[in-house]
Amino acid sequence: MQTIGASMQLLRPGEKTKAHRHTGSIIYQVAKGSGHSIVAGKRLEWQERDIFCVSLVAWHEHGNASDSEDACLFSFNDLPVIEGLGLYREEAFGDNAGHQAVAA
């Protein structure tokens, strides 16, 4: 579609992504597995069929909780609109080896 993007992200067993942020919002649906995401410094535990949102310019990263099974995150986003308007920006988290501190 011209206004909504969709993608699937594979997280291999034990994989943890580095934090980043971008202009655009994403709605995630856990298609397979379990794990966690850290969004704006808050840890969110998830499992298959859970849904969560990462809002505009929020730092976020994901981790697969399993040592043997893949996890898959399906997402919808508004990036085609943001890119079409020439407003897309992305930034990697530079501190702490690319990982956010988690709020207590």
Protein backbone atom coordinates (compact mmCIF):
# COMPACT_ATOMS: atom_id res chain seq x y z
CA MET A 1 0.00 0.00 0.00
CA GLN A 2 1.12 3.55 -0.54
CA THR A 3 0.42 4.66 3.04
CA ILE A 4 1.07 1.58 5.22
CA GLY A 5 4.17 -0.59 5.26
CA ALA A 6 4.44 -4.13 6.59
CA SER A 7 7.37 -6.39 7.40
CA MET A 8 8.43 -9.48 9.30
CA GLN A 9 11.51 -9.48 11.53
CA LEU A 10 13.25 -12.74 12.42
CA LEU A 11 15.06 -12.96 15.75
CA ARG A 12 17.27 -16.02 15.91
CA PRO A 13 17.60 -17.92 19.22
CA GLY A 14 19.13 -15.63 21.85
CA GLU A 15 19.45 -12.71 19.41
CA LYS A 16 19.22 -9.15 20.73
CA THR A 17 19.06 -6.17 18.42
CA LYS A 18 20.69 -2.83 19.12
CA ALA A 19 18.51 0.16 19.94
CA HIS A 20 17.56 2.70 17.33
CA ARG A 21 14.81 5.21 16.68
CA HIS A 22 13.16 6.70 13.62
CA THR A 23 10.48 9.06 12.47
CA GLY A 24 7.52 6.75 12.16
CA SER A 25 5.34 4.55 14.35
CA ILE A 26 5.18 0.75 14.31
CA ILE A 27 2.60 -1.74 15.55
CA TYR A 28 4.12 -5.17 16.24
CA GLN A 29 2.29 -8.49 16.41
CA VAL A 30 4.30 -11.43 17.76
CA ALA A 31 3.87 -14.09 15.10
CA LYS A 32 6.12 -16.68 16.76
CA GLY A 33 8.10 -17.17 19.96
CA SER A 34 8.63 -15.07 23.05
CA GLY A 35 11.02 -12.40 24.18
CA HIS A 36 11.16 -8.78 25.17
CA SER A 37 11.45 -5.31 23.76
CA ILE A 38 12.87 -2.27 25.46
CA VAL A 39 10.89 0.78 24.37
CA ALA A 40 11.90 4.20 25.71
CA GLY A 41 13.77 2.52 28.57
CA LYS A 42 10.88 0.26 29.64
CA ARG A 43 11.06 -3.51 29.25
CA LEU A 44 8.02 -5.17 27.62
CA GLU A 45 7.78 -8.97 27.81
CA TRP A 46 5.94 -10.55 24.88
CA GLN A 47 4.82 -13.92 23.58
CA GLU A 48 3.03 -15.27 20.55
CA ARG A 49 -0.09 -13.25 19.58
CA ASP A 50 0.79 -10.22 21.74
CA ILE A 51 0.54 -6.77 20.14
CA PHE A 52 2.49 -3.65 21.10
CA CYS A 53 3.28 -0.26 19.64
CA VAL A 54 6.48 1.74 19.26
CA SER A 55 5.62 5.41 18.88
CA LEU A 56 7.31 8.09 16.83
CA VAL A 57 11.04 8.52 17.65
CA ALA A 58 10.99 6.12 20.64
CA TRP A 59 14.23 4.22 21.19
CA HIS A 60 13.54 0.50 20.80
CA GLU A 61 15.30 -2.87 20.65
CA HIS A 62 14.15 -6.50 20.71
CA GLY A 63 15.40 -9.77 22.16
CA ASN A 64 14.48 -13.42 21.65
CA ALA A 65 14.07 -15.24 25.01
CA SER A 66 14.69 -18.72 23.59
CA ASP A 67 18.06 -20.41 23.19
CA SER A 68 16.65 -22.85 20.62
CA GLU A 69 13.60 -21.37 18.82
CA ASP A 70 13.23 -18.42 16.43
CA ALA A 71 10.96 -15.50 17.25
CA CYS A 72 9.17 -13.49 14.55
CA LEU A 73 7.71 -10.00 14.85
CA PHE A 74 5.23 -8.91 12.19
CA SER A 75 4.74 -5.16 11.91
CA PHE A 76 2.64 -2.47 10.30
CA ASN A 77 4.08 1.04 10.02
CA ASP A 78 3.49 4.49 8.60
CA LEU A 79 6.96 4.75 7.06
CA PRO A 80 5.78 5.04 3.42
CA VAL A 81 4.02 8.31 4.27
CA ILE A 82 6.96 9.63 6.31
CA GLU A 83 9.40 8.71 3.53
CA GLY A 84 7.13 10.16 0.84
CA LEU A 85 7.08 13.49 2.66
CA GLY A 86 10.88 13.45 2.91
CA LEU A 87 10.75 13.36 6.72
CA TYR A 88 12.28 9.94 7.43
CA ARG A 89 15.27 9.95 9.78
CA GLU A 90 16.88 7.08 11.68
CA GLU A 91 19.44 7.13 14.49
CA ALA A 92 21.38 4.33 16.19
CA PHE A 93 21.72 4.40 19.99
CA GLY A 94 25.37 5.21 20.66
CA ASP A 95 25.79 4.54 24.37
CA ASN A 96 26.13 1.27 26.31
CA ALA A 97 27.20 -0.81 23.26
CA GLY A 98 23.92 0.12 21.54
CA HIS A 99 21.57 -0.96 24.36
CA GLN A 100 19.29 1.18 26.50
CA ALA A 101 19.33 1.22 30.29
CA VAL A 102 16.08 -0.21 31.64
CA ALA A 103 14.10 1.94 34.06
CA ALA A 104 13.46 0.34 37.44
